[in-house]
Protein backbone atom coordinates (compact mmCIF):
# COMPACT_ATOMS: atom_id res chain seq x y z
CA MET A 1 161.51 40.29 50.90
CA ASN A 2 161.26 39.57 47.16
CA PHE A 3 164.55 39.67 45.26
CA VAL A 4 164.67 39.26 41.46
CA PHE A 5 168.11 38.02 40.40
CA ILE A 6 168.87 38.54 36.71
CA SER A 7 171.03 35.81 35.12
CA PRO A 8 171.66 33.86 38.33
CA ASN A 9 173.48 31.10 36.44
CA PHE A 10 176.18 33.24 34.79
CA PRO A 11 178.82 33.83 35.90
CA GLU A 12 178.58 30.33 37.33
CA ALA A 13 179.75 31.31 40.83
CA TYR A 14 176.76 33.65 41.21
CA TRP A 15 174.66 30.79 42.53
CA HIS A 16 176.41 31.59 45.83
CA PHE A 17 174.66 34.98 45.94
CA CYS A 18 171.27 33.31 45.54
CA ASP A 19 172.12 30.65 48.11
CA ARG A 20 173.12 33.20 50.77
CA LEU A 21 170.01 35.28 50.11
CA ALA A 22 167.88 32.18 50.67
CA VAL A 23 169.80 31.45 53.89
CA ASN A 24 168.82 34.95 55.05
CA GLY A 25 165.15 34.21 54.43
CA VAL A 26 164.83 36.16 51.17
CA THR A 27 162.45 35.00 48.42
CA VAL A 28 164.84 34.62 45.45
CA LEU A 29 163.25 34.82 41.99
CA GLY A 30 165.50 34.10 39.04
CA VAL A 31 165.24 35.35 35.45
CA GLY A 32 167.58 33.75 32.94
CA ASP A 33 167.93 32.28 29.46
CA ALA A 34 169.18 28.83 30.47
CA PRO A 35 166.75 25.90 30.69
CA TYR A 36 165.75 25.16 34.27
CA ASP A 37 167.11 21.61 34.17
CA GLN A 38 170.55 22.97 33.20
CA LEU A 39 170.84 25.06 36.36
CA ARG A 40 173.13 23.56 38.95
CA PRO A 41 171.26 21.81 41.79
CA GLU A 42 172.44 24.31 44.42
CA LEU A 43 170.96 27.18 42.40
CA ARG A 44 167.64 25.41 41.87
CA GLN A 45 167.51 24.77 45.62
CA ALA A 46 168.07 28.48 46.38
CA LEU A 47 165.50 29.82 43.92
CA THR A 48 161.86 30.08 44.98
CA GLU A 49 160.95 30.23 41.28
CA TYR A 50 162.70 30.60 37.95
CA TYR A 51 161.38 32.30 34.83
CA ARG A 52 163.14 31.37 31.60
CA VAL A 53 163.28 33.88 28.75
CA ASP A 54 164.51 33.22 25.22
CA SER A 55 166.95 36.12 25.47
CA LEU A 56 167.98 38.42 28.28
CA GLU A 57 168.71 41.00 25.56
CA ASP A 58 164.95 41.25 24.88
CA TYR A 59 163.72 43.81 27.42
CA ASP A 60 160.06 43.01 26.81
CA GLN A 61 160.60 39.37 27.78
CA VAL A 62 162.52 40.29 30.93
CA TYR A 63 159.89 42.91 31.83
CA ARG A 64 157.13 40.30 31.51
CA ALA A 65 159.10 37.95 33.75
CA VAL A 66 159.39 40.57 36.50
CA ALA A 67 155.72 41.51 36.03
CA PHE A 68 154.76 37.88 36.52
CA PHE A 69 156.75 37.70 39.75
CA SER A 70 155.19 40.96 40.92
CA PHE A 71 151.70 39.60 40.27
CA ARG A 72 152.46 36.30 42.00
CA TYR A 73 154.58 37.39 44.97
CA GLY A 74 153.69 41.04 45.49
CA LYS A 75 155.94 44.08 45.49
CA ILE A 76 159.48 43.49 44.24
CA ASP A 77 162.01 44.80 46.76
CA TRP A 78 165.26 44.27 44.82
CA ILE A 79 166.29 43.75 41.19
CA GLU A 80 169.97 42.98 40.63
CA SER A 81 172.34 41.02 38.41
CA ASN A 82 175.71 42.05 39.95
CA ASN A 83 176.85 42.12 36.32
CA GLU A 84 178.05 45.25 34.52
CA TYR A 85 176.66 43.98 31.22
CA TRP A 86 173.12 44.21 32.60
CA LEU A 87 173.68 47.39 34.64
CA GLU A 88 171.50 49.61 32.43
CA GLN A 89 168.77 47.00 32.10
CA ASP A 90 168.69 46.47 35.87
CA ALA A 91 168.25 50.23 36.35
CA ARG A 92 165.47 50.39 33.75
CA LEU A 93 163.62 47.54 35.44
CA ARG A 94 163.91 49.25 38.84
CA THR A 95 162.49 52.41 37.34
CA ASP A 96 159.61 50.63 35.63
CA PHE A 97 158.70 48.66 38.77
CA ASN A 98 159.44 51.50 41.22
CA VAL A 99 162.12 49.52 43.05
CA THR A 100 163.95 51.98 45.29
CA THR A 101 166.84 49.84 46.55
CA GLY A 102 169.21 50.42 43.66
CA LEU A 103 170.19 52.74 40.84
CA LYS A 104 167.37 54.03 38.63
CA ALA A 105 167.65 54.67 34.90
CA HIS A 106 168.43 58.38 35.33
CA GLU A 107 171.28 57.62 37.77
CA ILE A 108 173.20 55.10 35.73
CA GLU A 109 175.16 57.38 33.40
CA LYS A 110 177.82 58.35 35.95
CA TYR A 111 178.76 54.67 36.29
CA LYS A 112 178.78 54.00 32.53
CA SER A 113 180.40 57.12 31.10
CA LYS A 114 184.15 57.20 31.60
CA SER A 115 184.23 60.92 30.84
CA LEU A 116 181.55 61.72 33.42
CA MET A 117 183.48 59.71 36.01
CA LYS A 118 186.26 62.31 35.81
CA SER A 119 184.10 65.00 37.44
CA TYR A 120 183.32 62.71 40.36
CA TYR A 121 187.02 61.90 40.81
CA ALA A 122 187.65 65.65 40.97
CA LYS A 123 184.96 65.92 43.65
CA ALA A 124 186.70 63.11 45.55
CA GLY A 125 190.08 64.84 45.26
CA VAL A 126 191.60 61.88 43.39
CA PRO A 127 193.66 62.91 40.32
CA ALA A 128 192.72 61.39 36.96
CA ALA A 129 194.37 61.26 33.54
CA ARG A 130 193.75 64.12 31.12
CA PHE A 131 191.32 63.18 28.36
CA SER A 132 189.51 64.45 25.29
CA PRO A 133 186.61 63.11 23.21
CA VAL A 134 187.91 61.50 20.02
CA SER A 135 185.83 63.31 17.41
CA ASP A 136 188.21 63.51 14.45
CA MET A 137 191.86 63.23 13.50
CA ASP A 138 192.56 66.94 13.99
CA ALA A 139 191.22 66.87 17.57
CA ALA A 140 193.25 63.75 18.30
CA ARG A 141 196.45 65.30 16.96
CA ALA A 142 195.84 68.44 19.02
CA PHE A 143 195.51 66.35 22.18
CA ILE A 144 198.62 64.30 21.38
CA ALA A 145 200.54 67.53 20.82
CA GLN A 146 199.92 68.28 24.51
CA THR A 147 200.59 64.82 25.97
CA GLY A 148 202.79 63.04 23.44
CA TYR A 149 202.64 59.33 22.64
CA PRO A 150 201.57 56.85 23.83
CA VAL A 151 197.90 57.62 24.39
CA ILE A 152 194.98 55.37 25.32
CA VAL A 153 191.71 55.28 23.36
CA LYS A 154 188.65 53.66 24.86
CA PRO A 155 184.85 53.70 24.42
CA ASP A 156 183.23 56.35 26.61
CA SER A 157 180.75 53.69 27.66
CA GLY A 158 182.14 50.19 27.84
CA VAL A 159 182.94 47.17 29.96
CA GLY A 160 186.48 46.63 31.26
CA ALA A 161 189.22 46.87 28.61
CA THR A 162 186.96 45.90 25.69
CA ALA A 163 187.94 47.81 22.51
CA THR A 164 190.62 49.76 24.43
CA TYR A 165 193.95 50.39 22.70
CA LYS A 166 197.34 52.00 23.24
CA LEU A 167 198.45 54.18 20.32
CA LYS A 168 202.20 54.62 20.08
CA SER A 169 202.66 56.45 16.77
CA ASP A 170 200.99 58.37 13.95
CA GLY A 171 200.64 55.04 12.17
CA ASP A 172 198.68 53.59 15.09
CA LEU A 173 196.52 56.73 15.16
CA GLU A 174 195.70 56.48 11.46
CA ALA A 175 194.94 52.77 11.77
CA PHE A 176 192.62 53.46 14.71
CA PHE A 177 190.61 56.06 12.81
CA ALA A 178 190.42 53.78 9.77
CA GLU A 179 188.66 51.14 11.88
CA LYS A 180 187.04 53.30 14.60
CA PRO A 181 183.50 52.14 15.46
CA ASP A 182 180.70 54.67 15.20
CA THR A 183 180.51 55.11 18.97
CA PRO A 184 181.85 57.87 21.25
CA TYR A 185 185.52 57.33 22.13
CA LEU A 186 187.86 59.04 24.57
CA MET A 187 191.57 59.66 24.28
CA GLU A 188 193.56 59.73 27.51
CA GLN A 189 197.14 60.44 28.39
CA PHE A 190 199.08 57.27 29.13
CA VAL A 191 199.59 56.69 32.85
CA PRO A 192 202.62 54.59 33.87
CA GLY A 193 201.31 52.55 36.77
CA VAL A 194 200.19 49.28 38.27
CA VAL A 195 196.45 48.72 38.60
CA THR A 196 195.47 48.59 42.27
CA THR A 197 191.84 48.14 43.30
CA TYR A 198 189.52 48.82 46.19
CA ASP A 199 186.86 46.11 46.26
CA GLY A 200 184.05 45.54 48.69
CA ILE A 201 180.47 46.01 49.80
CA VAL A 202 178.77 49.23 50.88
CA ASN A 203 175.38 49.50 52.62
CA SER A 204 172.56 52.01 52.14
CA LYS A 205 174.25 54.52 54.46
CA GLY A 206 177.50 54.48 52.50
CA GLN A 207 179.27 52.42 55.19
CA VAL A 208 181.85 49.94 53.89
CA LEU A 209 180.99 46.51 55.33
CA PHE A 210 183.89 44.66 53.70
CA ALA A 211 186.91 45.74 51.68
CA ALA A 212 190.00 44.24 50.08
CA SER A 213 192.45 45.18 47.34
CA HIS A 214 194.05 43.36 44.45
CA ILE A 215 197.00 44.23 42.24
CA SER A 216 197.44 43.54 38.50
CA PRO A 217 201.10 43.66 37.43
CA THR A 218 200.01 43.49 33.75
CA SER A 219 197.24 45.73 32.44
CA ILE A 220 193.95 44.12 31.42
CA MET A 221 194.27 45.99 28.10
CA ASP A 222 197.51 44.13 27.32
CA MET A 223 196.01 40.84 28.48
CA VAL A 224 193.11 41.29 26.03
CA ASN A 225 194.90 42.85 23.04
CA GLU A 226 198.28 41.14 23.24
CA HIS A 227 197.27 37.90 24.93
CA GLN A 228 199.82 38.50 27.63
CA PRO A 229 199.67 36.17 30.65
CA CYS A 230 196.80 37.05 32.96
CA SER A 231 197.85 37.34 36.57
CA TYR A 232 196.87 39.37 39.61
CA TYR A 233 196.77 38.87 43.35
CA VAL A 234 194.72 39.95 46.34
CA ASN A 235 196.85 41.87 48.81
CA ARG A 236 197.09 40.66 52.41
CA GLU A 237 196.20 44.14 53.64
CA ILE A 238 194.85 47.31 52.02
CA PRO A 239 197.38 50.15 51.94
CA PRO A 240 196.00 53.23 53.76
CA GLU A 241 196.34 55.45 50.69
CA VAL A 242 194.16 53.03 48.72
CA VAL A 243 191.56 53.05 51.50
CA ALA A 244 191.55 56.86 51.51
CA ALA A 245 191.16 57.14 47.73
CA GLY A 246 188.55 54.38 47.64
CA GLN A 247 186.36 55.78 50.39
CA ALA A 248 186.58 59.33 48.98
CA THR A 249 185.50 57.98 45.58
CA LEU A 250 182.56 56.05 47.04
CA LYS A 251 181.41 59.18 48.88
CA ALA A 252 181.71 61.37 45.78
CA PHE A 253 179.64 58.94 43.72
CA GLY A 254 177.09 58.45 46.50
CA ALA A 255 177.56 54.68 46.25
CA ALA A 256 175.05 52.69 48.30
CA SER A 257 173.75 49.15 48.71
CA ARG A 258 176.16 47.56 46.26
CA PHE A 259 179.26 45.58 45.61
CA PHE A 260 181.97 47.92 44.29
CA HIS A 261 185.14 47.44 42.27
CA LEU A 262 187.19 50.64 42.06
CA GLU A 263 190.33 50.68 39.91
CA PHE A 264 193.30 52.99 40.48
CA PHE A 265 196.84 53.31 39.16
CA ARG A 266 199.78 53.35 41.54
CA LEU A 267 202.24 55.46 39.58
CA THR A 268 205.53 53.78 38.71
CA ALA A 269 206.98 57.13 37.60
CA GLY A 270 206.15 60.74 38.28
CA VAL A 271 203.69 62.45 35.91
CA PRO A 272 203.31 66.26 35.90
CA GLY A 273 199.85 67.19 37.11
CA LEU A 274 199.11 63.69 38.43
CA GLY A 275 201.71 62.90 41.07
CA GLU A 276 204.97 61.23 41.97
CA ALA A 277 205.94 57.56 41.81
CA GLY A 278 203.85 55.64 44.35
CA ASP A 279 200.89 58.04 44.26
CA ILE A 280 197.33 56.84 43.60
CA VAL A 281 195.54 57.98 40.42
CA ALA A 282 191.94 57.24 39.40
CA LEU A 283 191.21 54.76 36.62
CA GLU A 284 187.62 53.48 36.62
CA VAL A 285 184.59 52.89 38.84
CA ASN A 286 182.53 49.69 38.63
CA MET A 287 179.44 49.08 40.73
CA ARG A 288 179.59 45.29 40.71
CA PRO A 289 181.93 42.54 41.88
CA ALA A 290 185.26 42.19 40.10
CA GLY A 291 185.15 39.68 37.27
CA GLY A 292 185.99 36.03 36.95
CA PHE A 293 186.73 34.18 40.16
CA THR A 294 187.78 37.32 42.04
CA PRO A 295 184.98 37.05 44.66
CA ASP A 296 186.28 33.58 45.52
CA MET A 297 189.82 34.96 45.72
CA LEU A 298 188.64 37.62 48.17
CA ASN A 299 187.23 34.81 50.28
CA PHE A 300 190.43 32.75 50.12
CA SER A 301 192.65 35.73 50.90
CA GLN A 302 190.64 37.33 53.70
CA SER A 303 189.14 34.17 55.28
CA ALA A 304 185.71 35.60 54.49
CA ASP A 305 182.48 34.85 52.64
CA VAL A 306 181.70 37.89 50.51
CA TYR A 307 178.58 36.21 49.15
CA GLN A 308 177.19 36.03 52.69
CA LEU A 309 178.30 39.55 53.55
CA TRP A 310 176.56 40.87 50.44
CA ALA A 311 173.40 38.93 51.34
CA ASP A 312 173.60 40.38 54.86
CA MET A 313 173.71 43.87 53.34
CA ILE A 314 170.66 43.08 51.22
CA ALA A 315 168.59 41.56 54.03
CA PHE A 316 169.78 43.53 57.08
CA ASP A 317 171.81 46.52 55.77
CA GLU A 318 174.67 45.40 58.00
CA ALA A 319 177.24 42.64 58.32
CA ARG A 320 175.84 39.84 60.44
CA HIS A 321 178.83 37.53 59.91
CA CYS A 322 182.35 38.39 61.09
CA TYR A 323 185.54 36.78 59.83
CA ASP A 324 188.71 36.90 61.86
CA GLY A 325 190.78 34.27 60.11
CA PRO A 326 194.31 34.75 58.77
CA HIS A 327 194.96 36.89 55.70
CA SER A 328 197.17 35.78 52.82
CA TYR A 329 198.14 36.74 49.29
CA CYS A 330 195.77 35.03 46.85
CA VAL A 331 197.16 34.85 43.32
CA TYR A 332 195.50 34.11 39.99
CA ALA A 333 197.28 32.63 36.98
CA GLY A 334 195.21 32.51 33.79
CA ARG A 335 196.98 30.24 31.32
CA ARG A 336 196.17 30.08 27.60
CA ASP A 337 195.50 26.85 25.74
CA GLU A 338 197.70 27.87 22.80
CA CYS A 339 200.81 28.01 25.02
CA ASP A 340 203.01 24.96 25.60
CA TYR A 341 203.79 25.22 29.32
CA ALA A 342 206.56 23.34 31.08
CA LEU A 343 204.03 22.09 33.65
CA THR A 344 200.56 20.83 32.87
CA LEU A 345 197.75 22.25 35.01
CA ASP A 346 197.64 18.98 36.97
CA GLN A 347 201.40 19.07 37.54
CA LEU A 348 201.17 22.70 38.69
CA ARG A 349 198.42 21.78 41.14
CA GLU A 350 200.46 18.88 42.47
CA LYS A 351 203.55 21.09 42.88
CA TYR A 352 201.56 23.63 44.94
CA ALA A 353 199.12 21.23 46.58
CA GLU A 354 199.38 22.84 50.02
CA ASN A 355 198.64 26.28 48.58
CA ALA A 356 196.09 25.35 45.92
CA ARG A 357 192.58 26.76 46.30
CA LEU A 358 190.93 26.48 42.87
CA PHE A 359 192.08 24.89 39.60
CA THR A 360 189.49 24.89 36.83
CA ARG A 361 188.53 26.22 33.38
CA MET A 362 187.45 29.77 32.62
CA PRO A 363 184.21 30.06 30.61
CA ASP A 364 184.91 30.91 26.96
CA ALA A 365 183.04 34.23 27.28
CA LEU A 366 185.69 35.48 29.74
CA SER A 367 188.80 33.68 28.48
CA GLY A 368 190.00 36.45 26.13
CA ALA A 369 191.07 38.54 29.10
CA MET A 370 191.34 35.92 31.83
CA GLY A 371 192.92 32.93 30.08
CA ASN A 372 191.53 29.42 29.64
CA GLN A 373 193.16 27.51 32.49
CA VAL A 374 192.62 28.86 36.01
CA ALA A 375 195.15 28.30 38.80
CA ILE A 376 194.51 30.05 42.14
CA CYS A 377 196.77 29.66 45.18
CA CYS A 378 197.37 31.38 48.53
CA PHE A 379 200.77 32.30 49.97
CA ASP A 380 202.22 34.14 52.94
CA THR A 381 204.77 36.23 51.04
CA GLU A 382 205.04 38.15 47.77
CA ARG A 383 208.21 36.19 46.97
CA GLU A 384 206.15 32.98 46.94
CA VAL A 385 203.61 34.67 44.66
CA GLU A 386 206.38 35.56 42.20
CA ASP A 387 207.82 32.02 42.29
CA PHE A 388 204.39 30.54 41.62
CA LEU A 389 203.76 32.80 38.63
CA ARG A 390 207.13 31.92 37.12
CA ALA A 391 206.28 28.22 37.43
CA ALA A 392 202.76 28.74 36.11
CA PHE A 393 203.82 30.59 32.94
CA GLN A 394 207.16 28.95 32.14
CA GLU A 395 207.03 27.45 28.66
CA LYS A 396 208.96 24.49 27.28
């Protein structure tokens, strides 16, 4: 089996995907823009060959790289980056090289367009926020007349909470239109809720091979725009209502042979037409692993190896490795360099030495949302999670 992995060196933890593929006997062929000698040794060991391009943004260069691998190794069976940024390019490459194991170019829109996602949520029976395209000020005011402030504006096609804003007044609305990029935007009613996810791996038959859920007390939008502390935690167990909404959404989208990261709101107050406090409401579908060090957190929390489970799905279309270890809450604290914390990162790690799993730096490309200093710990109770976050973010 020939697997072309796009950008295997970034995010850095993605070398694990290549390593597990190699363990499963897959020929792993990397395409990236980093010099070969700058790849970590474990990644070089996992790759059968690496083709360096000057820029992954240059489709012609990436196409030539895949063409070279096809000439040298024969038919390409998989092309994947597991990265939302390259989702469209991955699909275009699969189309051009007739790779049938993933999304083709004509199938990608439903996973990129936030407005198109709404129709699939309706098919799944999962309520979603009312929305309207943001075409001009008059259309925006007409929508706000129905929903009231605040409202959310976001690019119809975008990654995460990038360029997403909460508008609280006419002044905010006017400021938004004064600076609005020349790209399609949506306006949505504000949903009071806590982001709750359904993360995992699905095989070609739509069977979920692994699943977990994490909770973000603070919205990613506020983390990005207001530099609020970044924190979230993987739940010990997945609530049944999250499982039901997640599996219905996967079925409606026809998700297959992928990692998935589905985002929902758990309402903190009742909203007419959406539900009561505690109900699950759709937010966004992502056909890739959750960002940052979340895959590692899934491993820590569920006593699993999601990299291996994903590689099992690729090579065998089933889970060949079972994990029956204890479950725990795994919490992430993303601290910002500009803050003067009561405890240094080293002191925090020493204080929670028995619970510490990963203390490191976040790459600059991800630090706007995720913070600069990474502190990840596991606990048995939510009370311990709360105590840890207070200690992590307390300032002098």
